[in-house]
Amino acid sequence: MNSLFQTYTLNNGVEIKNRLVVAPMTHFSSNEDGTLSEQERTFISNRAVDMGMFITAATLVAKNGKTFVGQPEALDDSHLDSLREIAQVLQAQGAKAILQIHHGGVNAQTNLTGGLALISASDHAESGAKAATADEVVALIEAYANAAELGIRAGFDGVEIHGANGYLIQQFFSGQFNRRTDEWGGSLEKRLRFPLAIVDAVVALKEKYAKPEFIVGYRFSPEEPGENGLTMTDTFALIDALVEKPLQYLHVSLHEFDKKARRGADTHLTRMQLIHERINGKLPLIGLGALLSGKQIRAAFQTGWAEFIGLGKAVMVTPNIATLLKENRDSEITTELDPTRADQYGIPDFLWSLCQQGGAWLPPVKGHDWKPVDI
């Protein structure tokens, strides 16, 4: 059997049918009220077949954190039917449906927040965001828990807490953003409080609903640029704390799977290897980063640095990539979008227009130079 298609049993007894995961992809196509649109439905309707898990696009937990045009939302019962349909579309294809829950913090857009002011860990001059008060910090934690509760009620198989990519949770964790002097900032231990409080709140909801089979994962970015940005040392502290929580997996956000560490650890080793060794088998890890071809995907898995391989750009380019891998039809996997064949991808219009402009965070496009972001 192809090793990518071995099953994996999580620590809560849930079996994942293989080691392939659709990574969360911003699709810019939900309705204005954050509900499922026709273009979003098309985008997700044929990309989960033969995948073990499918993690949704970053789904908003509080109005003042809205970051993208067309961002899905999980704010209240008005979103329940939409969320339920998303879960069912994914599950009908045989994948575990995982709802990623998100708040942009300083990256939220004031034109999308309905006039609400932006808040984050500390004042942020560039965005105009203000430091959250103690009461607002508690409300933010409750917002993540509320979104998780909506996910449970909608029938999702789990949620992923989005603590990566410079968004709100990472802003609280990062010494570069978090300059607080109260219990939510300052020392590394205090900067860890916000992400860990969100984990605890989500787990409490899972226990309230007596859903041991509900999957809870956590996504993080291992390093940041800047003198006070996150280092591998900080990330090791986060990992050490997370593996003590009743989570089911960790998910590292990387632009390149084999990128080496910059600081805070052996810079001759890759971040993936260092993170996997630090976890030390206590939780499975989803790894990803510019894996487009069958050869790249299989080679990444064979390193042993991740129990699961996440695919984002590859799934945009080749929607049935999991089936092709399963059937050893790697030669049919394409690694760049054909700009003349918009009809074959089912990519929402706005996202397709961005793809045509090019960008390192987007899939390669035939005829365009492309290389991953170096961060």
Protein backbone atom coordinates (compact mmCIF):
# COMPACT_ATOMS: atom_id res chain seq x y z
CA MET A 1 0.00 0.00 0.00
CA ASN A 2 1.19 3.51 -0.80
CA SER A 3 2.37 4.93 2.53
CA LEU A 4 0.44 8.16 1.91
CA PHE A 5 -2.70 6.07 2.06
CA GLN A 6 -2.11 4.37 5.38
CA THR A 7 -4.74 5.17 7.99
CA TYR A 8 -3.92 7.16 11.11
CA THR A 9 -5.80 6.96 14.40
CA LEU A 10 -5.85 10.19 16.39
CA ASN A 11 -5.55 10.19 20.17
CA ASN A 12 -9.34 10.47 20.51
CA GLY A 13 -9.85 7.24 18.57
CA VAL A 14 -10.89 8.85 15.28
CA GLU A 15 -9.39 7.16 12.24
CA ILE A 16 -8.22 9.35 9.36
CA LYS A 17 -8.28 7.28 6.18
CA ASN A 18 -4.99 8.58 4.77
CA ARG A 19 -2.23 11.15 5.24
CA LEU A 20 -3.42 13.83 2.81
CA VAL A 21 -5.02 17.05 4.00
CA VAL A 22 -6.47 19.94 2.03
CA ALA A 23 -4.81 22.96 3.59
CA PRO A 24 -6.97 26.03 4.31
CA MET A 25 -7.21 28.27 1.23
CA THR A 26 -8.54 31.81 1.17
CA HIS A 27 -11.05 31.82 -1.68
CA PHE A 28 -12.58 35.33 -1.40
CA SER A 29 -15.97 34.00 -2.48
CA SER A 30 -18.42 33.69 0.41
CA ASN A 31 -21.51 35.86 0.27
CA GLU A 32 -21.27 39.32 1.82
CA ASP A 33 -22.91 37.99 4.99
CA GLY A 34 -20.33 35.23 5.29
CA THR A 35 -22.57 32.41 4.07
CA LEU A 36 -21.84 29.82 1.41
CA SER A 37 -22.02 31.14 -2.16
CA GLU A 38 -22.42 29.19 -5.39
CA GLN A 39 -18.80 29.84 -6.39
CA GLU A 40 -17.55 28.71 -2.99
CA ARG A 41 -19.70 25.58 -3.23
CA THR A 42 -18.20 24.82 -6.66
CA PHE A 43 -14.67 25.35 -5.34
CA ILE A 44 -15.03 22.87 -2.46
CA SER A 45 -17.28 20.37 -4.20
CA ASN A 46 -14.62 18.33 -6.00
CA ARG A 47 -11.42 18.83 -3.98
CA ALA A 48 -12.04 16.54 -0.99
CA VAL A 49 -12.34 13.18 -2.78
CA ASP A 50 -9.74 10.69 -1.47
CA MET A 51 -8.47 13.26 1.06
CA GLY A 52 -8.18 12.38 4.74
CA MET A 53 -9.14 15.83 6.01
CA PHE A 54 -10.28 19.10 4.44
CA ILE A 55 -9.61 22.29 6.41
CA THR A 56 -11.87 25.16 5.40
CA ALA A 57 -10.85 28.70 4.55
CA ALA A 58 -10.19 30.94 7.57
CA THR A 59 -13.66 31.46 9.06
CA LEU A 60 -14.37 34.62 10.99
CA VAL A 61 -15.12 34.46 14.73
CA ALA A 62 -15.83 38.16 15.43
CA LYS A 63 -16.92 40.99 13.15
CA ASN A 64 -14.01 43.25 14.12
CA GLY A 65 -11.57 40.66 12.76
CA LYS A 66 -12.83 40.39 9.18
CA THR A 67 -9.80 40.33 6.93
CA PHE A 68 -10.84 39.23 3.45
CA VAL A 69 -13.52 40.11 0.97
CA GLY A 70 -15.72 37.04 0.74
CA GLN A 71 -14.53 35.58 4.05
CA PRO A 72 -16.76 32.86 5.53
CA GLU A 73 -18.19 33.58 8.97
CA ALA A 74 -19.17 31.68 12.10
CA LEU A 75 -20.64 34.42 14.26
CA ASP A 76 -24.13 33.32 15.23
CA ASP A 77 -27.06 31.09 14.34
CA SER A 78 -27.57 32.96 11.06
CA HIS A 79 -24.49 31.10 9.81
CA LEU A 80 -25.52 27.67 11.04
CA ASP A 81 -27.24 26.43 7.88
CA SER A 82 -24.36 27.60 5.72
CA LEU A 83 -21.81 25.93 7.96
CA ARG A 84 -23.86 22.75 7.98
CA GLU A 85 -23.91 22.68 4.18
CA ILE A 86 -20.13 23.19 3.96
CA ALA A 87 -19.55 20.29 6.32
CA GLN A 88 -21.93 18.07 4.37
CA VAL A 89 -20.36 18.94 1.00
CA LEU A 90 -16.95 17.90 2.31
CA GLN A 91 -18.13 14.81 4.17
CA ALA A 92 -20.07 13.60 1.13
CA GLN A 93 -16.70 13.36 -0.63
CA GLY A 94 -15.36 11.16 2.17
CA ALA A 95 -13.11 13.63 4.00
CA LYS A 96 -13.18 14.76 7.60
CA ALA A 97 -14.48 18.35 7.57
CA ILE A 98 -12.42 20.72 9.73
CA LEU A 99 -13.56 24.31 10.33
CA GLN A 100 -10.66 26.75 10.64
CA ILE A 101 -11.52 29.61 13.04
CA HIS A 102 -9.85 32.99 12.57
CA HIS A 103 -9.54 36.64 13.57
CA GLY A 104 -7.30 39.07 11.71
CA GLY A 105 -6.38 41.47 14.50
CA VAL A 106 -4.27 44.24 12.95
CA ASN A 107 -4.76 42.63 9.53
CA ALA A 108 -8.53 43.07 9.60
CA GLN A 109 -9.90 45.62 7.13
CA THR A 110 -11.98 48.50 8.49
CA ASN A 111 -14.05 48.58 5.31
CA LEU A 112 -15.17 45.01 6.12
CA THR A 113 -15.81 45.31 9.86
CA GLY A 114 -19.00 47.32 9.62
CA GLY A 115 -17.39 50.35 11.20
CA LEU A 116 -16.00 48.45 14.20
CA ALA A 117 -12.56 49.55 15.36
CA LEU A 118 -9.69 47.12 15.06
CA ILE A 119 -8.17 45.57 18.16
CA SER A 120 -5.11 43.45 18.83
CA ALA A 121 -2.64 42.61 21.56
CA SER A 122 -1.18 46.13 21.55
CA ASP A 123 -1.67 49.46 19.82
CA HIS A 124 -0.64 49.25 16.16
CA ALA A 125 -0.01 52.56 14.43
CA GLU A 126 -0.05 51.29 10.85
CA SER A 127 -3.52 49.74 11.05
CA GLY A 128 -4.93 52.01 13.73
CA ALA A 129 -5.71 48.97 15.89
CA LYS A 130 -5.91 49.54 19.62
CA ALA A 131 -4.81 47.25 22.41
CA ALA A 132 -7.70 45.09 23.53
CA THR A 133 -8.92 45.84 27.05
CA ALA A 134 -8.97 43.01 29.56
CA ASP A 135 -12.70 42.56 28.94
CA GLU A 136 -12.15 42.56 25.17
CA VAL A 137 -9.50 39.87 25.51
CA VAL A 138 -12.01 37.68 27.31
CA ALA A 139 -14.62 38.44 24.64
CA LEU A 140 -12.18 37.42 21.90
CA ILE A 141 -11.53 34.09 23.61
CA GLU A 142 -15.28 33.57 23.90
CA ALA A 143 -15.67 34.37 20.19
CA TYR A 144 -13.39 31.50 19.24
CA ALA A 145 -15.34 29.20 21.56
CA ASN A 146 -18.61 30.37 20.03
CA ALA A 147 -17.34 29.61 16.52
CA ALA A 148 -16.26 26.17 17.67
CA GLU A 149 -19.72 25.60 19.14
CA LEU A 150 -21.30 26.54 15.82
CA GLY A 151 -18.94 24.07 14.16
CA ILE A 152 -20.05 21.30 16.50
CA ARG A 153 -23.72 22.12 15.98
CA ALA A 154 -23.23 22.27 12.21
CA GLY A 155 -21.81 18.75 12.16
CA PHE A 156 -18.16 19.46 11.43
CA ASP A 157 -15.71 16.74 12.39
CA GLY A 158 -13.47 19.28 14.07
CA VAL A 159 -12.02 22.77 14.22
CA GLU A 160 -8.57 24.19 13.63
CA ILE A 161 -7.51 27.19 15.70
CA HIS A 162 -5.70 29.57 13.36
CA GLY A 163 -2.69 30.73 15.35
CA ALA A 164 -0.47 31.38 12.33
CA ASN A 165 0.41 33.84 9.57
CA GLY A 166 0.56 36.95 11.72
CA TYR A 167 -3.13 37.02 12.61
CA LEU A 168 -4.61 37.79 16.03
CA ILE A 169 -3.44 34.78 18.01
CA GLN A 170 0.10 35.11 16.70
CA GLN A 171 0.00 38.82 17.47
CA PHE A 172 -0.60 37.97 21.13
CA PHE A 173 2.16 35.36 21.09
CA SER A 174 4.76 37.48 19.29
CA GLY A 175 7.04 39.78 21.28
CA GLN A 176 7.17 41.95 18.17
CA PHE A 177 3.44 42.72 18.39
CA ASN A 178 2.60 42.12 22.03
CA ARG A 179 3.98 44.85 24.26
CA ARG A 180 1.38 44.47 27.03
CA THR A 181 2.34 44.68 30.69
CA ASP A 182 -0.71 42.88 32.11
CA GLU A 183 -1.38 39.15 32.43
CA TRP A 184 -1.70 38.84 28.63
CA GLY A 185 1.78 40.02 27.66
CA GLY A 186 5.36 40.73 28.56
CA SER A 187 7.17 37.48 29.34
CA LEU A 188 7.02 34.49 27.02
CA GLU A 189 4.87 32.70 29.57
CA LYS A 190 2.34 35.55 29.58
CA ARG A 191 2.35 35.82 25.78
CA LEU A 192 1.40 32.15 25.68
CA ARG A 193 -1.70 32.74 27.80
CA PHE A 194 -3.98 33.94 24.99
CA PRO A 195 -3.43 31.05 22.57
CA LEU A 196 -3.65 28.52 25.38
CA ALA A 197 -6.82 30.13 26.77
CA ILE A 198 -8.43 29.74 23.34
CA VAL A 199 -7.43 26.08 23.22
CA ASP A 200 -8.93 25.57 26.69
CA ALA A 201 -12.16 27.36 25.72
CA VAL A 202 -12.59 25.27 22.57
CA VAL A 203 -11.86 22.03 24.40
CA ALA A 204 -14.41 23.03 27.07
CA LEU A 205 -17.07 23.36 24.36
CA LYS A 206 -16.17 19.91 23.06
CA GLU A 207 -16.59 18.52 26.56
CA LYS A 208 -19.86 20.40 27.07
CA TYR A 209 -21.31 18.64 24.03
CA ALA A 210 -19.79 15.30 25.08
CA LYS A 211 -18.02 15.00 21.73
CA PRO A 212 -14.77 13.13 22.34
CA GLU A 213 -14.65 12.35 18.62
CA PHE A 214 -14.55 16.07 17.75
CA ILE A 215 -11.09 16.95 16.40
CA VAL A 216 -9.28 20.06 17.66
CA GLY A 217 -6.11 21.17 15.88
CA TYR A 218 -3.84 24.20 16.12
CA ARG A 219 -1.97 25.94 13.30
CA PHE A 220 1.16 28.02 13.92
CA SER A 221 3.95 29.81 12.06
CA PRO A 222 7.39 28.98 13.44
CA GLU A 223 9.35 32.18 12.85
CA GLU A 224 8.93 35.89 12.14
CA PRO A 225 11.31 38.49 10.73
CA GLY A 226 12.28 41.46 12.88
CA GLU A 227 14.46 41.80 15.94
CA ASN A 228 11.67 40.82 18.34
CA GLY A 229 9.91 38.41 15.99
CA LEU A 230 9.23 34.81 16.85
CA THR A 231 12.18 32.43 16.83
CA MET A 232 12.36 28.66 16.91
CA THR A 233 13.01 28.97 20.65
CA ASP A 234 9.63 30.67 21.07
CA THR A 235 7.98 28.04 18.90
CA PHE A 236 9.48 25.23 20.94
CA ALA A 237 7.89 26.80 24.04
CA LEU A 238 4.54 26.94 22.23
CA ILE A 239 4.85 23.32 21.14
CA ASP A 240 5.77 22.22 24.64
CA ALA A 241 2.61 23.86 25.95
CA LEU A 242 0.34 22.61 23.16
CA VAL A 243 1.33 18.96 23.43
CA GLU A 244 0.13 19.02 27.04
CA LYS A 245 -3.35 20.05 25.89
CA PRO A 246 -6.00 17.55 24.69
CA LEU A 247 -5.46 18.46 21.03
CA GLN A 248 -5.55 15.99 18.14
CA TYR A 249 -2.95 17.54 15.83
CA LEU A 250 -0.60 20.44 15.17
CA HIS A 251 -0.28 22.15 11.78
CA VAL A 252 2.77 24.18 10.81
CA SER A 253 2.37 26.93 8.22
CA LEU A 254 5.35 27.10 5.87
CA HIS A 255 5.93 28.41 2.36
CA GLU A 256 8.60 25.77 1.74
CA PHE A 257 8.59 22.32 3.30
CA ASP A 258 12.37 22.04 3.51
CA LYS A 259 13.24 25.59 4.55
CA LYS A 260 15.93 25.73 7.23
CA ALA A 261 15.59 27.47 10.58
CA ARG A 262 16.78 31.05 10.83
CA ARG A 263 17.45 31.46 14.53
CA GLY A 264 16.78 29.93 17.91
CA ALA A 265 17.79 26.41 16.82
CA ASP A 266 20.28 24.56 14.62
CA THR A 267 20.19 26.58 11.39
CA HIS A 268 21.57 23.61 9.45
CA LEU A 269 18.31 21.75 10.01
CA THR A 270 14.88 22.32 8.52
CA ARG A 271 12.08 23.82 10.53
CA MET A 272 10.00 20.74 9.76
CA GLN A 273 12.57 18.36 11.24
CA LEU A 274 13.15 20.52 14.31
CA ILE A 275 9.43 20.89 15.00
CA HIS A 276 8.72 17.20 14.50
CA GLU A 277 11.56 16.24 16.83
CA ARG A 278 10.33 18.70 19.44
CA ILE A 279 6.81 17.25 19.34
CA ASN A 280 8.46 13.87 19.85
CA GLY A 281 5.46 11.78 18.85
CA LYS A 282 3.05 13.39 21.31
CA LEU A 283 0.79 14.68 18.52
CA PRO A 284 0.71 14.20 14.76
CA LEU A 285 1.96 17.08 12.63
CA ILE A 286 0.60 18.41 9.34
CA GLY A 287 3.46 19.72 7.19
CA LEU A 288 3.25 21.60 3.92
CA GLY A 289 5.01 24.09 1.70
CA ALA A 290 5.20 24.41 -2.09
CA LEU A 291 4.56 20.71 -2.69
CA LEU A 292 3.12 20.57 -6.19
CA SER A 293 4.18 17.37 -7.95
CA GLY A 294 3.64 13.78 -6.95
CA LYS A 295 7.39 13.39 -6.54
CA GLN A 296 7.58 16.36 -4.17
CA ILE A 297 4.62 15.20 -2.11
CA ARG A 298 5.90 11.65 -1.75
CA ALA A 299 9.43 12.82 -0.95
CA ALA A 300 8.12 15.17 1.74
CA PHE A 301 6.19 12.36 3.39
CA GLN A 302 9.17 10.03 3.21
CA THR A 303 11.28 12.43 5.30
CA GLY A 304 9.22 11.33 8.30
CA TRP A 305 8.95 14.95 9.45
CA ALA A 306 5.15 15.00 9.26
CA GLU A 307 2.40 12.45 9.81
CA PHE A 308 0.16 14.33 7.36
CA ILE A 309 0.93 16.32 4.22
CA GLY A 310 -1.11 19.46 3.59
CA LEU A 311 -1.82 20.56 0.02
CA GLY A 312 -3.10 23.98 -0.96
CA LYS A 313 -1.70 25.29 -4.25
CA ALA A 314 -1.54 21.71 -5.57
CA VAL A 315 -5.25 21.23 -4.92
CA MET A 316 -6.05 24.45 -6.72
CA VAL A 317 -4.13 23.29 -9.80
CA THR A 318 -5.18 19.62 -9.69
CA PRO A 319 -8.52 19.25 -7.87
CA ASN A 320 -8.39 15.41 -8.02
CA ILE A 321 -4.76 15.18 -6.93
CA ALA A 322 -5.50 12.75 -4.07
CA THR A 323 -7.12 10.29 -6.46
CA LEU A 324 -4.21 10.56 -8.88
CA LEU A 325 -1.74 9.92 -6.04
CA LYS A 326 -3.81 7.00 -4.79
CA GLU A 327 -3.83 5.39 -8.22
CA ASN A 328 -0.14 6.16 -8.88
CA ARG A 329 -1.05 8.41 -11.81
CA ASP A 330 1.52 11.05 -10.89
CA SER A 331 2.19 11.87 -14.54
CA GLU A 332 -1.31 13.37 -14.74
CA ILE A 333 -0.64 15.83 -11.93
CA THR A 334 -0.08 19.34 -13.26
CA THR A 335 2.00 21.88 -11.38
CA GLU A 336 0.83 25.17 -12.87
CA LEU A 337 -2.44 26.78 -13.83
CA ASP A 338 -3.26 27.19 -17.50
CA PRO A 339 -4.59 30.78 -17.84
CA THR A 340 -6.62 29.76 -20.90
CA ARG A 341 -8.52 27.02 -19.05
CA ALA A 342 -10.46 28.77 -16.31
CA ASP A 343 -13.33 26.36 -16.91
CA GLN A 344 -11.46 23.30 -15.66
CA TYR A 345 -10.54 24.53 -12.17
CA GLY A 346 -13.74 25.84 -10.58
CA ILE A 347 -11.75 28.67 -8.96
CA PRO A 348 -13.92 31.64 -7.87
CA ASP A 349 -13.73 34.68 -10.13
CA PHE A 350 -11.88 37.04 -7.81
CA LEU A 351 -9.35 34.41 -6.78
CA TRP A 352 -8.86 33.49 -10.45
CA SER A 353 -8.12 37.14 -11.26
CA LEU A 354 -5.49 37.19 -8.50
CA CYS A 355 -3.95 34.01 -9.87
CA GLN A 356 -3.58 35.63 -13.29
CA GLN A 357 -1.72 38.56 -11.73
CA GLY A 358 0.67 36.13 -10.06
CA GLY A 359 1.95 36.00 -6.53
CA ALA A 360 4.22 33.77 -4.50
CA TRP A 361 1.33 32.75 -2.22
CA LEU A 362 -0.65 31.57 -5.24
CA PRO A 363 -0.11 28.58 -7.55
CA PRO A 364 2.34 28.89 -10.45
CA VAL A 365 0.76 30.04 -13.70
CA LYS A 366 1.99 28.84 -17.07
CA GLY A 367 4.16 31.52 -18.63
CA HIS A 368 4.84 33.34 -15.34
CA ASP A 369 7.99 33.19 -13.24
CA TRP A 370 7.23 31.75 -9.80
CA LYS A 371 9.07 30.97 -6.61
CA PRO A 372 7.91 30.49 -3.01
CA VAL A 373 7.98 33.36 -0.52
CA ASP A 374 11.11 33.43 1.61
CA ILE A 375 9.99 34.03 5.20
